Amino acid sequence: MARPFIIPDPKDRSVNEPTKVVSANQVLGFYNQSTGDKKERIVESVKEWYKQTMRDNGWGDATFHGNQCVLTANVKLDNTK
């Protein structure tokens, strides 16, 4: 059985690296696994679903560049110390 697709954790990001690039294969795999659909291409409905799902799971922003998705975490530098 194939390894399940998981949502990247926005808490794993840092000020120096606040983004995560998600491949088309990962986007489609997670979409098909979560919805039971069997999409073969990333269409607009997949993009909208994926962006909303990532925002619901703590990512500040999700933007598509071609078929890859760039996730951006809301990371702040604590200068109070």
PDB file of N, CA and C in Angstrom:
ATOM      1  N   MET A   1       0.845  -1.188   0.000  1.00  0.00           N
ATOM      2  CA  MET A   1       0.000   0.000   0.000  1.00  0.00           C
ATOM      3  C   MET A   1       0.885   1.244   0.000  1.00  0.00           C
ATOM      4  N   ALA A   2       0.507   2.222  -0.770  1.00  0.00           N
ATOM      5  CA  ALA A   2       1.283   3.453  -0.875  1.00  0.00           C
ATOM      6  C   ALA A   2       1.194   4.277   0.405  1.00  0.00           C
ATOM      7  N   ARG A   3       2.222   5.029   0.638  1.00  0.00           N
ATOM      8  CA  ARG A   3       2.252   5.897   1.807  1.00  0.00           C
ATOM      9  C   ARG A   3       1.207   7.010   1.642  1.00  0.00           C
ATOM     10  N   PRO A   4       0.444   7.322   2.693  1.00  0.00           N
ATOM     11  CA  PRO A   4      -0.579   8.364   2.559  1.00  0.00           C
ATOM     12  C   PRO A   4       0.043   9.754   2.410  1.00  0.00           C
ATOM     13  N   PHE A   5      -0.668  10.609   1.689  1.00  0.00           N
ATOM     14  CA  PHE A   5      -0.250  11.996   1.539  1.00  0.00           C
ATOM     15  C   PHE A   5      -0.675  12.757   2.785  1.00  0.00           C
ATOM     16  N   ILE A   6       0.186  13.623   3.292  1.00  0.00           N
ATOM     17  CA  ILE A   6      -0.125  14.399   4.488  1.00  0.00           C
ATOM     18  C   ILE A   6       0.043  15.890   4.206  1.00  0.00           C
ATOM     19  N   ILE A   7      -0.595  16.694   5.037  1.00  0.00           N
ATOM     20  CA  ILE A   7      -0.481  18.147   4.929  1.00  0.00           C
ATOM     21  C   ILE A   7       0.837  18.579   5.559  1.00  0.00           C
ATOM     22  N   PRO A   8       1.626  19.384   4.853  1.00  0.00           N
ATOM     23  CA  PRO A   8       2.846  19.908   5.474  1.00  0.00           C
ATOM     24  C   PRO A   8       2.479  20.758   6.696  1.00  0.00           C
ATOM     25  N   ASP A   9       3.299  20.715   7.722  1.00  0.00           N
ATOM     26  CA  ASP A   9       3.024  21.432   8.967  1.00  0.00           C
ATOM     27  C   ASP A   9       3.604  22.848   8.901  1.00  0.00           C
ATOM     28  N   PRO A  10       2.753  23.878   9.005  1.00  0.00           N
ATOM     29  CA  PRO A  10       3.272  25.255   8.955  1.00  0.00           C
ATOM     30  C   PRO A  10       4.176  25.581  10.145  1.00  0.00           C
ATOM     31  N   LYS A  11       4.072  24.822  11.229  1.00  0.00           N
ATOM     32  CA  LYS A  11       4.917  25.058  12.409  1.00  0.00           C
ATOM     33  C   LYS A  11       6.355  24.593  12.180  1.00  0.00           C
ATOM     34  N   ASP A  12       6.599  23.876  11.088  1.00  0.00           N
ATOM     35  CA  ASP A  12       7.953  23.437  10.740  1.00  0.00           C
ATOM     36  C   ASP A  12       8.716  24.520   9.967  1.00  0.00           C
ATOM     37  N   ARG A  13       8.111  25.644   9.718  1.00  0.00           N
ATOM     38  CA  ARG A  13       8.735  26.730   8.958  1.00  0.00           C
ATOM     39  C   ARG A  13       9.464  27.676   9.901  1.00  0.00           C
ATOM     40  N   SER A  14      10.374  28.458   9.349  1.00  0.00           N
ATOM     41  CA  SER A  14      11.127  29.425  10.145  1.00  0.00           C
ATOM     42  C   SER A  14      11.135  30.778   9.442  1.00  0.00           C
ATOM     43  N   VAL A  15      11.667  31.789  10.116  1.00  0.00           N
ATOM     44  CA  VAL A  15      11.767  33.117   9.528  1.00  0.00           C
ATOM     45  C   VAL A  15      12.643  33.064   8.272  1.00  0.00           C
ATOM     46  N   ASN A  16      13.681  32.243   8.302  1.00  0.00           N
ATOM     47  CA  ASN A  16      14.578  32.125   7.153  1.00  0.00           C
ATOM     48  C   ASN A  16      13.987  31.318   6.004  1.00  0.00           C
ATOM     49  N   GLU A  17      13.030  30.494   6.304  1.00  0.00           N
ATOM     50  CA  GLU A  17      12.419  29.649   5.270  1.00  0.00           C
ATOM     51  C   GLU A  17      10.918  29.478   5.559  1.00  0.00           C
ATOM     52  N   PRO A  18      10.128  30.520   5.276  1.00  0.00           N
ATOM     53  CA  PRO A  18       8.701  30.471   5.614  1.00  0.00           C
ATOM     54  C   PRO A  18       7.830  29.743   4.590  1.00  0.00           C
ATOM     55  N   THR A  19       8.418  29.295   3.480  1.00  0.00           N
ATOM     56  CA  THR A  19       7.614  28.667   2.435  1.00  0.00           C
ATOM     57  C   THR A  19       7.939  27.195   2.255  1.00  0.00           C
ATOM     58  N   LYS A  20       7.004  26.520   1.606  1.00  0.00           N
ATOM     59  CA  LYS A  20       7.157  25.106   1.256  1.00  0.00           C
ATOM     60  C   LYS A  20       6.555  24.937  -0.134  1.00  0.00           C
ATOM     61  N   VAL A  21       7.313  24.360  -1.060  1.00  0.00           N
ATOM     62  CA  VAL A  21       6.812  24.090  -2.405  1.00  0.00           C
ATOM     63  C   VAL A  21       6.252  22.675  -2.432  1.00  0.00           C
ATOM     64  N   VAL A  22       5.013  22.566  -2.882  1.00  0.00           N
ATOM     65  CA  VAL A  22       4.334  21.269  -2.946  1.00  0.00           C
ATOM     66  C   VAL A  22       4.189  20.901  -4.421  1.00  0.00           C
ATOM     67  N   SER A  23       4.689  19.727  -4.782  1.00  0.00           N
ATOM     68  CA  SER A  23       4.667  19.297  -6.183  1.00  0.00           C
ATOM     69  C   SER A  23       3.245  18.973  -6.645  1.00  0.00           C
ATOM     70  N   ALA A  24       3.083  18.945  -7.964  1.00  0.00           N
ATOM     71  CA  ALA A  24       1.784  18.597  -8.545  1.00  0.00           C
ATOM     72  C   ALA A  24       1.361  17.201  -8.114  1.00  0.00           C
ATOM     73  N   ASN A  25       2.303  16.273  -8.035  1.00  0.00           N
ATOM     74  CA  ASN A  25       2.004  14.912  -7.611  1.00  0.00           C
ATOM     75  C   ASN A  25       1.466  14.878  -6.182  1.00  0.00           C
ATOM     76  N   GLN A  26       2.059  15.680  -5.297  1.00  0.00           N
ATOM     77  CA  GLN A  26       1.592  15.732  -3.910  1.00  0.00           C
ATOM     78  C   GLN A  26       0.216  16.375  -3.815  1.00  0.00           C
ATOM     79  N   VAL A  27      -0.008  17.437  -4.582  1.00  0.00           N
ATOM     80  CA  VAL A  27      -1.314  18.117  -4.571  1.00  0.00           C
ATOM     81  C   VAL A  27      -2.397  17.151  -5.032  1.00  0.00           C
ATOM     82  N   LEU A  28      -2.180  16.518  -6.183  1.00  0.00           N
ATOM     83  CA  LEU A  28      -3.183  15.586  -6.716  1.00  0.00           C
ATOM     84  C   LEU A  28      -3.374  14.369  -5.815  1.00  0.00           C
ATOM     85  N   GLY A  29      -2.287  13.852  -5.289  1.00  0.00           N
ATOM     86  CA  GLY A  29      -2.387  12.698  -4.399  1.00  0.00           C
ATOM     87  C   GLY A  29      -3.213  13.001  -3.164  1.00  0.00           C
ATOM     88  N   PHE A  30      -2.951  14.160  -2.551  1.00  0.00           N
ATOM     89  CA  PHE A  30      -3.704  14.538  -1.358  1.00  0.00           C
ATOM     90  C   PHE A  30      -5.169  14.803  -1.700  1.00  0.00           C
ATOM     91  N   TYR A  31      -5.415  15.477  -2.827  1.00  0.00           N
ATOM     92  CA  TYR A  31      -6.791  15.751  -3.258  1.00  0.00           C
ATOM     93  C   TYR A  31      -7.556  14.441  -3.474  1.00  0.00           C
ATOM     94  N   ASN A  32      -6.982  13.542  -4.256  1.00  0.00           N
ATOM     95  CA  ASN A  32      -7.663  12.276  -4.555  1.00  0.00           C
ATOM     96  C   ASN A  32      -7.872  11.436  -3.299  1.00  0.00           C
ATOM     97  N   GLN A  33      -6.885  11.422  -2.422  1.00  0.00           N
ATOM     98  CA  GLN A  33      -6.984  10.667  -1.172  1.00  0.00           C
ATOM     99  C   GLN A  33      -8.082  11.229  -0.271  1.00  0.00           C
ATOM    100  N   SER A  34      -8.184  12.543  -0.205  1.00  0.00           N
ATOM    101  CA  SER A  34      -9.130  13.193   0.711  1.00  0.00           C
ATOM    102  C   SER A  34     -10.557  13.214   0.195  1.00  0.00           C
ATOM    103  N   THR A  35     -10.722  13.336  -1.114  1.00  0.00           N
ATOM    104  CA  THR A  35     -12.071  13.486  -1.665  1.00  0.00           C
ATOM    105  C   THR A  35     -12.635  12.199  -2.249  1.00  0.00           C
ATOM    106  N   GLY A  36     -11.758  11.228  -2.516  1.00  0.00           N
ATOM    107  CA  GLY A  36     -12.223  10.005  -3.160  1.00  0.00           C
ATOM    108  C   GLY A  36     -12.340  10.160  -4.666  1.00  0.00           C
ATOM    109  N   ASP A  37     -12.075  11.367  -5.156  1.00  0.00           N
ATOM    110  CA  ASP A  37     -12.075  11.651  -6.587  1.00  0.00           C
ATOM    111  C   ASP A  37     -10.843  11.027  -7.227  1.00  0.00           C
ATOM    112  N   LYS A  38     -10.814  10.948  -8.524  1.00  0.00           N
ATOM    113  CA  LYS A  38      -9.653  10.402  -9.239  1.00  0.00           C
ATOM    114  C   LYS A  38      -9.217  11.369 -10.339  1.00  0.00           C
ATOM    115  N   LYS A  39      -8.924  12.601  -9.941  1.00  0.00           N
ATOM    116  CA  LYS A  39      -8.451  13.591 -10.913  1.00  0.00           C
ATOM    117  C   LYS A  39      -7.066  13.199 -11.402  1.00  0.00           C
ATOM    118  N   GLU A  40      -6.784  13.485 -12.660  1.00  0.00           N
ATOM    119  CA  GLU A  40      -5.473  13.197 -13.237  1.00  0.00           C
ATOM    120  C   GLU A  40      -4.695  14.479 -13.519  1.00  0.00           C
ATOM    121  N   ARG A  41      -5.379  15.602 -13.495  1.00  0.00           N
ATOM    122  CA  ARG A  41      -4.752  16.892 -13.746  1.00  0.00           C
ATOM    123  C   ARG A  41      -5.202  17.895 -12.699  1.00  0.00           C
ATOM    124  N   ILE A  42      -4.368  18.897 -12.510  1.00  0.00           N
ATOM    125  CA  ILE A  42      -4.731  19.952 -11.569  1.00  0.00           C
ATOM    126  C   ILE A  42      -5.567  20.990 -12.320  1.00  0.00           C
ATOM    127  N   VAL A  43      -6.848  20.979 -12.040  1.00  0.00           N
ATOM    128  CA  VAL A  43      -7.784  21.928 -12.644  1.00  0.00           C
ATOM    129  C   VAL A  43      -8.149  22.976 -11.602  1.00  0.00           C
ATOM    130  N   GLU A  44      -8.896  23.973 -12.001  1.00  0.00           N
ATOM    131  CA  GLU A  44      -9.223  25.089 -11.106  1.00  0.00           C
ATOM    132  C   GLU A  44      -9.920  24.628  -9.825  1.00  0.00           C
ATOM    133  N   SER A  45     -10.814  23.654  -9.926  1.00  0.00           N
ATOM    134  CA  SER A  45     -11.525  23.173  -8.727  1.00  0.00           C
ATOM    135  C   SER A  45     -10.566  22.520  -7.735  1.00  0.00           C
ATOM    136  N   VAL A  46      -9.552  21.825  -8.229  1.00  0.00           N
ATOM    137  CA  VAL A  46      -8.539  21.217  -7.355  1.00  0.00           C
ATOM    138  C   VAL A  46      -7.721  22.311  -6.679  1.00  0.00           C
ATOM    139  N   LYS A  47      -7.326  23.325  -7.443  1.00  0.00           N
ATOM    140  CA  LYS A  47      -6.545  24.437  -6.887  1.00  0.00           C
ATOM    141  C   LYS A  47      -7.304  25.143  -5.774  1.00  0.00           C
ATOM    142  N   GLU A  48      -8.573  25.457  -6.022  1.00  0.00           N
ATOM    143  CA  GLU A  48      -9.373  26.167  -5.015  1.00  0.00           C
ATOM    144  C   GLU A  48      -9.554  25.314  -3.767  1.00  0.00           C
ATOM    145  N   TRP A  49      -9.846  24.032  -3.956  1.00  0.00           N
ATOM    146  CA  TRP A  49     -10.006  23.124  -2.816  1.00  0.00           C
ATOM    147  C   TRP A  49      -8.713  23.046  -2.020  1.00  0.00           C
ATOM    148  N   TYR A  50      -7.574  22.899  -2.698  1.00  0.00           N
ATOM    149  CA  TYR A  50      -6.289  22.750  -2.018  1.00  0.00           C
ATOM    150  C   TYR A  50      -5.919  24.023  -1.263  1.00  0.00           C
ATOM    151  N   LYS A  51      -6.103  25.179  -1.887  1.00  0.00           N
ATOM    152  CA  LYS A  51      -5.781  26.445  -1.217  1.00  0.00           C
ATOM    153  C   LYS A  51      -6.616  26.628   0.044  1.00  0.00           C
ATOM    154  N   GLN A  52      -7.902  26.345  -0.042  1.00  0.00           N
ATOM    155  CA  GLN A  52      -8.770  26.498   1.134  1.00  0.00           C
ATOM    156  C   GLN A  52      -8.406  25.496   2.226  1.00  0.00           C
ATOM    157  N   THR A  53      -8.114  24.268   1.839  1.00  0.00           N
ATOM    158  CA  THR A  53      -7.732  23.241   2.806  1.00  0.00           C
ATOM    159  C   THR A  53      -6.449  23.619   3.532  1.00  0.00           C
ATOM    160  N   MET A  54      -5.479  24.158   2.803  1.00  0.00           N
ATOM    161  CA  MET A  54      -4.215  24.561   3.432  1.00  0.00           C
ATOM    162  C   MET A  54      -4.435  25.741   4.389  1.00  0.00           C
ATOM    163  N   ARG A  55      -5.257  26.691   4.002  1.00  0.00           N
ATOM    164  CA  ARG A  55      -5.562  27.819   4.907  1.00  0.00           C
ATOM    165  C   ARG A  55      -6.288  27.323   6.159  1.00  0.00           C
ATOM    166  N   ASP A  56      -7.184  26.384   5.985  1.00  0.00           N
ATOM    167  CA  ASP A  56      -7.904  25.814   7.133  1.00  0.00           C
ATOM    168  C   ASP A  56      -6.977  25.048   8.077  1.00  0.00           C
ATOM    169  N   ASN A  57      -5.812  24.647   7.567  1.00  0.00           N
ATOM    170  CA  ASN A  57      -4.860  23.880   8.366  1.00  0.00           C
ATOM    171  C   ASN A  57      -3.664  24.707   8.813  1.00  0.00           C
ATOM    172  N   GLY A  58      -3.819  26.036   8.834  1.00  0.00           N
ATOM    173  CA  GLY A  58      -2.819  26.893   9.449  1.00  0.00           C
ATOM    174  C   GLY A  58      -1.860  27.617   8.536  1.00  0.00           C
ATOM    175  N   TRP A  59      -1.897  27.360   7.243  1.00  0.00           N
ATOM    176  CA  TRP A  59      -1.017  28.076   6.326  1.00  0.00           C
ATOM    177  C   TRP A  59      -1.574  29.464   6.063  1.00  0.00           C
ATOM    178  N   GLY A  60      -0.708  30.461   6.032  1.00  0.00           N
ATOM    179  CA  GLY A  60      -1.136  31.838   5.807  1.00  0.00           C
ATOM    180  C   GLY A  60      -1.580  32.090   4.387  1.00  0.00           C
ATOM    181  N   ASP A  61      -0.910  31.441   3.432  1.00  0.00           N
ATOM    182  CA  ASP A  61      -1.243  31.647   2.033  1.00  0.00           C
ATOM    183  C   ASP A  61      -0.859  30.415   1.236  1.00  0.00           C
ATOM    184  N   ALA A  62      -1.569  30.194   0.160  1.00  0.00           N
ATOM    185  CA  ALA A  62      -1.270  29.106  -0.770  1.00  0.00           C
ATOM    186  C   ALA A  62      -1.488  29.650  -2.173  1.00  0.00           C
ATOM    187  N   THR A  63      -0.437  29.673  -2.980  1.00  0.00           N
ATOM    188  CA  THR A  63      -0.541  30.188  -4.346  1.00  0.00           C
ATOM    189  C   THR A  63       0.024  29.162  -5.318  1.00  0.00           C
ATOM    190  N   PHE A  64      -0.638  29.044  -6.449  1.00  0.00           N
ATOM    191  CA  PHE A  64      -0.178  28.118  -7.475  1.00  0.00           C
ATOM    192  C   PHE A  64       0.667  28.847  -8.502  1.00  0.00           C
ATOM    193  N   HIS A  65       1.757  28.211  -8.868  1.00  0.00           N
ATOM    194  CA  HIS A  65       2.647  28.670  -9.928  1.00  0.00           C
ATOM    195  C   HIS A  65       2.782  27.484 -10.866  1.00  0.00           C
ATOM    196  N   GLY A  66       2.034  27.539 -11.949  1.00  0.00           N
ATOM    197  CA  GLY A  66       1.923  26.353 -12.796  1.00  0.00           C
ATOM    198  C   GLY A  66       1.105  25.329 -12.040  1.00  0.00           C
ATOM    199  N   ASN A  67       1.621  24.137 -11.894  1.00  0.00           N
ATOM    200  CA  ASN A  67       0.910  23.090 -11.154  1.00  0.00           C
ATOM    201  C   ASN A  67       1.467  22.869  -9.765  1.00  0.00           C
ATOM    202  N   GLN A  68       2.483  23.629  -9.386  1.00  0.00           N
ATOM    203  CA  GLN A  68       3.039  23.528  -8.042  1.00  0.00           C
ATOM    204  C   GLN A  68       2.387  24.565  -7.147  1.00  0.00           C
ATOM    205  N   CYS A  69       2.292  24.239  -5.874  1.00  0.00           N
ATOM    206  CA  CYS A  69       1.704  25.165  -4.914  1.00  0.00           C
ATOM    207  C   CYS A  69       2.780  25.623  -3.935  1.00  0.00           C
ATOM    208  N   VAL A  70       2.856  26.932  -3.721  1.00  0.00           N
ATOM    209  CA  VAL A  70       3.782  27.490  -2.741  1.00  0.00           C
ATOM    210  C   VAL A  70       2.969  27.853  -1.508  1.00  0.00           C
ATOM    211  N   LEU A  71       3.269  27.178  -0.400  1.00  0.00           N
ATOM    212  CA  LEU A  71       2.606  27.445   0.871  1.00  0.00           C
ATOM    213  C   LEU A  71       3.475  28.409   1.667  1.00  0.00           C
ATOM    214  N   THR A  72       2.854  29.414   2.267  1.00  0.00           N
ATOM    215  CA  THR A  72       3.585  30.392   3.065  1.00  0.00           C
ATOM    216  C   THR A  72       3.006  30.425   4.471  1.00  0.00           C
ATOM    217  N   ALA A  73       3.885  30.232   5.444  1.00  0.00           N
ATOM    218  CA  ALA A  73       3.473  30.260   6.850  1.00  0.00           C
ATOM    219  C   ALA A  73       3.595  31.689   7.381  1.00  0.00           C
ATOM    220  N   ASN A  74       2.758  32.027   8.326  1.00  0.00           N
ATOM    221  CA  ASN A  74       2.850  33.309   9.005  1.00  0.00           C
ATOM    222  C   ASN A  74       3.857  33.141  10.135  1.00  0.00           C
ATOM    223  N   VAL A  75       5.093  33.575   9.880  1.00  0.00           N
ATOM    224  CA  VAL A  75       6.180  33.425  10.847  1.00  0.00           C
ATOM    225  C   VAL A  75       6.622  34.809  11.268  1.00  0.00           C
ATOM    226  N   LYS A  76       6.772  34.989  12.572  1.00  0.00           N
ATOM    227  CA  LYS A  76       7.197  36.285  13.119  1.00  0.00           C
ATOM    228  C   LYS A  76       8.497  36.129  13.878  1.00  0.00           C
ATOM    229  N   LEU A  77       9.323  37.140  13.784  1.00  0.00           N
ATOM    230  CA  LEU A  77      10.570  37.187  14.523  1.00  0.00           C
ATOM    231  C   LEU A  77      10.304  37.844  15.869  1.00  0.00           C
ATOM    232  N   ASP A  78      10.701  37.185  16.950  1.00  0.00           N
ATOM    233  CA  ASP A  78      10.458  37.705  18.287  1.00  0.00           C
ATOM    234  C   ASP A  78      11.682  38.515  18.717  1.00  0.00           C
ATOM    235  N   ASN A  79      11.569  39.836  18.669  1.00  0.00           N
ATOM    236  CA  ASN A  79      12.673  40.730  19.036  1.00  0.00           C
ATOM    237  C   ASN A  79      12.564  41.250  20.456  1.00  0.00           C
ATOM    238  N   THR A  80      11.736  40.630  21.280  1.00  0.00           N
ATOM    239  CA  THR A  80      11.514  41.143  22.633  1.00  0.00           C
ATOM    240  C   THR A  80      12.567  40.668  23.628  1.00  0.00           C
ATOM    241  N   LYS A  81      13.445  39.777  23.233  1.00  0.00           N
ATOM    242  CA  LYS A  81      14.431  39.222  24.161  1.00  0.00           C
ATOM    243  C   LYS A  81      15.760  39.920  24.040  1.00  0.00           C
TER     244      LYS A  81
END
